[in-house]
């Protein structure tokens, strides 16, 4: 984990968050600026700067992030949901730690952004 990374601090418990789930590899918590009635993030505890930093060794971890996101969406009553991840500032990434946004509870427009 990176010492100064916001999401690493949340994963360690240094910064409080409204957590939905956590285990030894993954943490999920509600977004502080929700864009949908159900909007939470799922992150790996391992610090990866973004999708481009994912290696073959991380495949099962990122698969777990996706699975946990889908399971939590169902548990939270989102029959339909969108999963979003961003790479780089121009794509909207503001925290440079891989994270999956899970949004549900409203209709989603296409294309996004």
N, C-alpha and C. Protein backbone atom coordinates (compact mmCIF):
# COMPACT_ATOMS: atom_id res chain seq x y z
N UNK A 1 0.84 -1.18 0.00
CA UNK A 1 0.00 0.00 0.00
C UNK A 1 0.88 1.24 0.00
N UNK A 2 0.41 2.25 -0.68
CA UNK A 2 1.14 3.51 -0.72
C UNK A 2 0.74 4.34 0.51
N UNK A 3 1.70 4.90 1.19
CA UNK A 3 1.44 5.63 2.43
C UNK A 3 0.55 6.85 2.25
N UNK A 4 0.68 7.57 1.13
CA UNK A 4 -0.07 8.81 0.96
C UNK A 4 -1.32 8.65 0.09
N UNK A 5 -1.65 7.45 -0.33
CA UNK A 5 -2.80 7.20 -1.19
C UNK A 5 -4.09 7.21 -0.36
N UNK A 6 -5.06 8.00 -0.77
CA UNK A 6 -6.34 8.11 -0.08
C UNK A 6 -7.01 6.75 0.09
N UNK A 7 -7.08 5.96 -0.98
CA UNK A 7 -7.78 4.68 -0.89
C UNK A 7 -6.98 3.66 -0.07
N UNK A 8 -5.66 3.74 -0.09
CA UNK A 8 -4.86 2.87 0.78
C UNK A 8 -5.14 3.22 2.24
N UNK A 9 -5.29 4.50 2.53
CA UNK A 9 -5.60 4.93 3.90
C UNK A 9 -6.98 4.43 4.32
N UNK A 10 -7.95 4.45 3.42
CA UNK A 10 -9.28 3.91 3.73
C UNK A 10 -9.18 2.41 3.96
N UNK A 11 -8.45 1.71 3.10
CA UNK A 11 -8.30 0.26 3.24
C UNK A 11 -7.64 -0.12 4.56
N UNK A 12 -6.68 0.69 5.02
CA UNK A 12 -6.00 0.43 6.29
C UNK A 12 -6.85 0.82 7.49
N UNK A 13 -7.87 1.65 7.27
CA UNK A 13 -8.68 2.13 8.37
C UNK A 13 -8.20 3.44 8.95
N UNK A 14 -7.21 4.07 8.29
CA UNK A 14 -6.69 5.36 8.76
C UNK A 14 -7.69 6.48 8.53
N UNK A 15 -8.51 6.35 7.50
CA UNK A 15 -9.56 7.32 7.17
C UNK A 15 -10.87 6.55 7.22
N UNK A 16 -11.86 7.08 7.95
CA UNK A 16 -13.14 6.36 8.04
C UNK A 16 -13.91 6.39 6.73
N UNK A 17 -14.66 5.33 6.50
CA UNK A 17 -15.53 5.22 5.33
C UNK A 17 -16.71 4.35 5.72
N UNK A 18 -17.83 4.53 5.04
CA UNK A 18 -19.00 3.69 5.28
C UNK A 18 -18.82 2.41 4.46
N UNK A 19 -18.19 1.43 5.08
CA UNK A 19 -17.83 0.21 4.38
C UNK A 19 -19.03 -0.73 4.23
N UNK A 20 -19.10 -1.34 3.06
CA UNK A 20 -20.10 -2.37 2.77
C UNK A 20 -19.51 -3.76 2.92
N UNK A 21 -18.21 -3.87 2.68
CA UNK A 21 -17.56 -5.17 2.64
C UNK A 21 -16.06 -4.97 2.79
N UNK A 22 -15.42 -5.93 3.43
CA UNK A 22 -13.96 -5.98 3.42
C UNK A 22 -13.49 -7.37 3.78
N UNK A 23 -12.40 -7.74 3.16
CA UNK A 23 -11.69 -8.97 3.50
C UNK A 23 -10.20 -8.67 3.35
N UNK A 24 -9.39 -9.69 3.28
CA UNK A 24 -7.94 -9.45 3.22
C UNK A 24 -7.44 -8.91 1.89
N UNK A 25 -8.29 -8.92 0.83
CA UNK A 25 -7.86 -8.45 -0.49
C UNK A 25 -8.65 -7.26 -1.03
N UNK A 26 -9.89 -7.10 -0.59
CA UNK A 26 -10.81 -6.15 -1.23
C UNK A 26 -11.58 -5.37 -0.16
N UNK A 27 -11.86 -4.10 -0.47
CA UNK A 27 -12.69 -3.26 0.40
C UNK A 27 -13.73 -2.57 -0.48
N UNK A 28 -14.97 -2.48 0.00
CA UNK A 28 -16.02 -1.76 -0.70
C UNK A 28 -16.63 -0.74 0.26
N UNK A 29 -16.89 0.46 -0.25
CA UNK A 29 -17.45 1.52 0.59
C UNK A 29 -18.28 2.47 -0.26
N UNK A 30 -19.21 3.16 0.40
CA UNK A 30 -20.09 4.10 -0.30
C UNK A 30 -19.30 5.30 -0.79
N UNK A 31 -19.63 5.78 -1.97
CA UNK A 31 -19.00 6.98 -2.54
C UNK A 31 -19.45 8.20 -1.74
N UNK A 32 -18.52 9.13 -1.49
CA UNK A 32 -18.88 10.32 -0.71
C UNK A 32 -19.61 11.37 -1.55
N UNK A 33 -19.59 11.23 -2.86
CA UNK A 33 -20.31 12.15 -3.75
C UNK A 33 -21.10 11.31 -4.75
N UNK A 34 -22.13 10.61 -4.28
CA UNK A 34 -22.83 9.65 -5.13
C UNK A 34 -23.47 10.26 -6.37
N UNK A 35 -23.38 9.53 -7.47
CA UNK A 35 -23.96 9.93 -8.75
C UNK A 35 -25.19 9.10 -9.09
N UNK A 36 -25.61 8.28 -8.16
CA UNK A 36 -26.80 7.43 -8.32
C UNK A 36 -27.29 7.08 -6.92
N UNK A 37 -28.54 6.64 -6.79
CA UNK A 37 -29.04 6.26 -5.47
C UNK A 37 -28.18 5.20 -4.76
N UNK A 38 -27.58 4.31 -5.53
CA UNK A 38 -26.65 3.33 -5.00
C UNK A 38 -25.33 3.52 -5.76
N UNK A 39 -24.35 4.04 -5.07
CA UNK A 39 -23.05 4.31 -5.70
C UNK A 39 -21.98 3.98 -4.67
N UNK A 40 -21.25 2.93 -4.94
CA UNK A 40 -20.16 2.55 -4.05
C UNK A 40 -18.93 2.20 -4.88
N UNK A 41 -17.81 2.11 -4.20
CA UNK A 41 -16.53 1.78 -4.82
C UNK A 41 -16.05 0.44 -4.29
N UNK A 42 -15.38 -0.31 -5.14
CA UNK A 42 -14.72 -1.53 -4.73
C UNK A 42 -13.25 -1.37 -5.13
N UNK A 43 -12.37 -1.59 -4.17
CA UNK A 43 -10.93 -1.42 -4.40
C UNK A 43 -10.16 -2.65 -3.93
N UNK A 44 -9.04 -2.92 -4.58
CA UNK A 44 -8.14 -3.92 -4.02
C UNK A 44 -7.31 -3.26 -2.91
N UNK A 45 -6.97 -4.01 -1.89
CA UNK A 45 -6.08 -3.46 -0.87
C UNK A 45 -4.69 -3.19 -1.47
N UNK A 46 -4.31 -4.03 -2.41
CA UNK A 46 -3.03 -3.84 -3.10
C UNK A 46 -3.09 -2.54 -3.88
N UNK A 47 -2.06 -1.72 -3.74
CA UNK A 47 -2.03 -0.45 -4.48
C UNK A 47 -1.66 -0.71 -5.94
N UNK A 48 -2.59 -0.40 -6.81
CA UNK A 48 -2.38 -0.39 -8.26
C UNK A 48 -2.84 0.99 -8.70
N UNK A 49 -2.03 1.72 -9.43
CA UNK A 49 -2.36 3.11 -9.75
C UNK A 49 -3.62 3.25 -10.60
N UNK A 50 -3.95 2.26 -11.38
CA UNK A 50 -5.14 2.31 -12.24
C UNK A 50 -5.18 1.07 -13.10
N UNK A 51 -6.14 0.99 -14.01
CA UNK A 51 -6.26 -0.20 -14.86
C UNK A 51 -4.99 -0.55 -15.63
N UNK A 52 -4.25 0.46 -16.07
CA UNK A 52 -3.03 0.19 -16.84
C UNK A 52 -1.93 -0.46 -16.00
N UNK A 53 -2.05 -0.37 -14.68
CA UNK A 53 -1.05 -0.97 -13.79
C UNK A 53 -1.34 -2.44 -13.49
N UNK A 54 -2.49 -2.94 -13.91
CA UNK A 54 -2.87 -4.33 -13.66
C UNK A 54 -2.00 -5.24 -14.52
N UNK A 55 -1.40 -6.23 -13.88
CA UNK A 55 -0.56 -7.21 -14.58
C UNK A 55 -1.26 -8.56 -14.59
N UNK A 56 -0.66 -9.51 -15.30
CA UNK A 56 -1.22 -10.86 -15.34
C UNK A 56 -1.33 -11.44 -13.93
N UNK A 57 -0.42 -11.09 -13.06
CA UNK A 57 -0.45 -11.58 -11.68
C UNK A 57 -1.65 -11.04 -10.89
N UNK A 58 -2.24 -9.94 -11.36
CA UNK A 58 -3.37 -9.30 -10.68
C UNK A 58 -4.73 -9.74 -11.20
N UNK A 59 -4.76 -10.61 -12.21
CA UNK A 59 -6.03 -10.97 -12.86
C UNK A 59 -7.06 -11.52 -11.89
N UNK A 60 -6.67 -12.42 -11.01
CA UNK A 60 -7.66 -12.99 -10.10
C UNK A 60 -8.14 -11.95 -9.09
N UNK A 61 -7.27 -11.05 -8.68
CA UNK A 61 -7.66 -9.99 -7.75
C UNK A 61 -8.68 -9.06 -8.39
N UNK A 62 -8.45 -8.64 -9.63
CA UNK A 62 -9.38 -7.75 -10.31
C UNK A 62 -10.68 -8.48 -10.63
N UNK A 63 -10.61 -9.75 -10.92
CA UNK A 63 -11.82 -10.55 -11.08
C UNK A 63 -12.63 -10.56 -9.79
N UNK A 64 -11.95 -10.65 -8.67
CA UNK A 64 -12.64 -10.61 -7.37
C UNK A 64 -13.29 -9.25 -7.14
N UNK A 65 -12.61 -8.17 -7.53
CA UNK A 65 -13.20 -6.82 -7.41
C UNK A 65 -14.52 -6.77 -8.18
N UNK A 66 -14.53 -7.29 -9.41
CA UNK A 66 -15.75 -7.32 -10.22
C UNK A 66 -16.84 -8.18 -9.57
N UNK A 67 -16.48 -9.35 -9.11
CA UNK A 67 -17.45 -10.26 -8.49
C UNK A 67 -18.06 -9.65 -7.24
N UNK A 68 -17.21 -9.08 -6.38
CA UNK A 68 -17.71 -8.44 -5.15
C UNK A 68 -18.64 -7.28 -5.51
N UNK A 69 -18.27 -6.49 -6.52
CA UNK A 69 -19.13 -5.39 -6.95
C UNK A 69 -20.50 -5.86 -7.38
N UNK A 70 -20.55 -6.92 -8.18
CA UNK A 70 -21.83 -7.46 -8.65
C UNK A 70 -22.64 -8.04 -7.51
N UNK A 71 -22.00 -8.76 -6.61
CA UNK A 71 -22.72 -9.34 -5.48
C UNK A 71 -23.29 -8.26 -4.56
N UNK A 72 -22.50 -7.21 -4.32
CA UNK A 72 -22.98 -6.13 -3.46
C UNK A 72 -24.10 -5.34 -4.13
N UNK A 73 -24.02 -5.15 -5.44
CA UNK A 73 -25.09 -4.45 -6.16
C UNK A 73 -26.40 -5.20 -5.96
N UNK A 74 -26.37 -6.51 -6.11
CA UNK A 74 -27.58 -7.32 -5.91
C UNK A 74 -28.06 -7.23 -4.47
N UNK A 75 -27.15 -7.33 -3.53
CA UNK A 75 -27.49 -7.26 -2.11
C UNK A 75 -28.12 -5.91 -1.76
N UNK A 76 -27.68 -4.85 -2.42
CA UNK A 76 -28.18 -3.50 -2.15
C UNK A 76 -29.42 -3.17 -2.97
N UNK A 77 -29.94 -4.13 -3.72
CA UNK A 77 -31.19 -3.95 -4.44
C UNK A 77 -31.07 -3.34 -5.81
N UNK A 78 -29.90 -3.33 -6.39
CA UNK A 78 -29.70 -2.79 -7.74
C UNK A 78 -29.78 -3.94 -8.74
N UNK A 79 -30.98 -4.17 -9.30
CA UNK A 79 -31.15 -5.25 -10.28
C UNK A 79 -30.35 -4.96 -11.54
N UNK A 80 -30.26 -3.68 -11.91
CA UNK A 80 -29.42 -3.23 -13.02
C UNK A 80 -28.40 -2.26 -12.44
N UNK A 81 -27.20 -2.30 -12.97
CA UNK A 81 -26.16 -1.42 -12.45
C UNK A 81 -25.09 -1.22 -13.51
N UNK A 82 -24.31 -0.18 -13.31
CA UNK A 82 -23.17 0.12 -14.19
C UNK A 82 -21.91 0.03 -13.37
N UNK A 83 -20.86 -0.53 -13.98
CA UNK A 83 -19.53 -0.57 -13.37
C UNK A 83 -18.61 0.28 -14.22
N UNK A 84 -17.84 1.15 -13.56
CA UNK A 84 -16.97 2.08 -14.28
C UNK A 84 -15.61 2.11 -13.61
N UNK A 85 -14.57 2.11 -14.42
CA UNK A 85 -13.23 2.38 -13.93
C UNK A 85 -12.57 3.34 -14.92
N UNK A 86 -11.72 4.21 -14.42
CA UNK A 86 -11.08 5.23 -15.25
C UNK A 86 -9.57 5.08 -15.20
N UNK A 87 -8.91 5.43 -16.28
CA UNK A 87 -7.45 5.43 -16.35
C UNK A 87 -6.99 6.80 -16.78
N UNK A 88 -6.37 7.53 -15.87
CA UNK A 88 -5.80 8.83 -16.19
C UNK A 88 -6.75 10.00 -15.93
N UNK A 89 -6.15 11.15 -15.75
CA UNK A 89 -6.90 12.37 -15.42
C UNK A 89 -7.91 12.75 -16.51
N UNK A 90 -7.54 12.62 -17.78
CA UNK A 90 -8.46 12.99 -18.86
C UNK A 90 -9.69 12.10 -18.90
N UNK A 91 -9.58 10.89 -18.35
CA UNK A 91 -10.72 9.97 -18.30
C UNK A 91 -11.56 10.19 -17.04
N UNK A 92 -11.09 11.07 -16.16
CA UNK A 92 -11.84 11.37 -14.95
C UNK A 92 -11.29 10.74 -13.69
N UNK A 93 -10.15 10.07 -13.79
CA UNK A 93 -9.57 9.47 -12.59
C UNK A 93 -9.03 10.57 -11.69
N UNK A 94 -9.48 10.60 -10.44
CA UNK A 94 -9.01 11.61 -9.48
C UNK A 94 -8.22 11.00 -8.34
N UNK A 95 -8.45 9.72 -8.06
CA UNK A 95 -7.65 9.00 -7.06
C UNK A 95 -6.91 7.91 -7.83
N UNK A 96 -5.60 7.95 -7.75
CA UNK A 96 -4.78 7.05 -8.57
C UNK A 96 -4.48 5.75 -7.81
N UNK A 97 -5.57 5.05 -7.56
CA UNK A 97 -5.59 3.70 -6.99
C UNK A 97 -6.73 3.01 -7.72
N UNK A 98 -6.48 1.85 -8.31
CA UNK A 98 -7.52 1.16 -9.06
C UNK A 98 -8.79 1.10 -8.23
N UNK A 99 -9.90 1.51 -8.82
CA UNK A 99 -11.19 1.40 -8.15
C UNK A 99 -12.30 1.22 -9.17
N UNK A 100 -13.30 0.50 -8.73
CA UNK A 100 -14.46 0.21 -9.55
C UNK A 100 -15.64 0.95 -8.95
N UNK A 101 -16.25 1.85 -9.74
CA UNK A 101 -17.50 2.49 -9.32
C UNK A 101 -18.63 1.54 -9.68
N UNK A 102 -19.54 1.31 -8.75
CA UNK A 102 -20.75 0.54 -9.02
C UNK A 102 -21.92 1.48 -8.76
N UNK A 103 -22.70 1.73 -9.83
CA UNK A 103 -23.82 2.68 -9.75
C UNK A 103 -25.12 1.97 -10.12
N UNK A 104 -26.15 2.20 -9.34
CA UNK A 104 -27.45 1.60 -9.63
C UNK A 104 -28.57 2.40 -9.00
N UNK A 105 -29.77 1.96 -9.27
CA UNK A 105 -30.92 2.62 -8.67
C UNK A 105 -31.53 3.72 -9.51
N UNK A 106 -31.04 3.88 -10.72
CA UNK A 106 -31.62 4.84 -11.66
C UNK A 106 -31.25 4.41 -13.08
N UNK A 107 -31.98 4.95 -14.06
CA UNK A 107 -31.63 4.67 -15.45
C UNK A 107 -30.32 5.35 -15.80
N UNK A 108 -29.51 4.70 -16.60
CA UNK A 108 -28.22 5.24 -17.03
C UNK A 108 -28.31 5.63 -18.49
N UNK A 109 -27.75 6.78 -18.81
CA UNK A 109 -27.72 7.25 -20.20
C UNK A 109 -26.52 6.66 -20.93
N UNK A 110 -26.59 6.64 -22.25
CA UNK A 110 -25.47 6.22 -23.07
C UNK A 110 -25.36 7.13 -24.27
N UNK A 111 -24.22 7.60 -24.65
CA UNK A 111 -22.94 7.30 -24.04
C UNK A 111 -22.73 8.12 -22.77
N UNK A 112 -21.92 7.59 -21.85
CA UNK A 112 -21.60 8.34 -20.64
C UNK A 112 -20.62 9.46 -20.95
N UNK A 113 -20.53 10.40 -20.04
CA UNK A 113 -19.52 11.45 -20.10
C UNK A 113 -19.67 12.39 -21.22
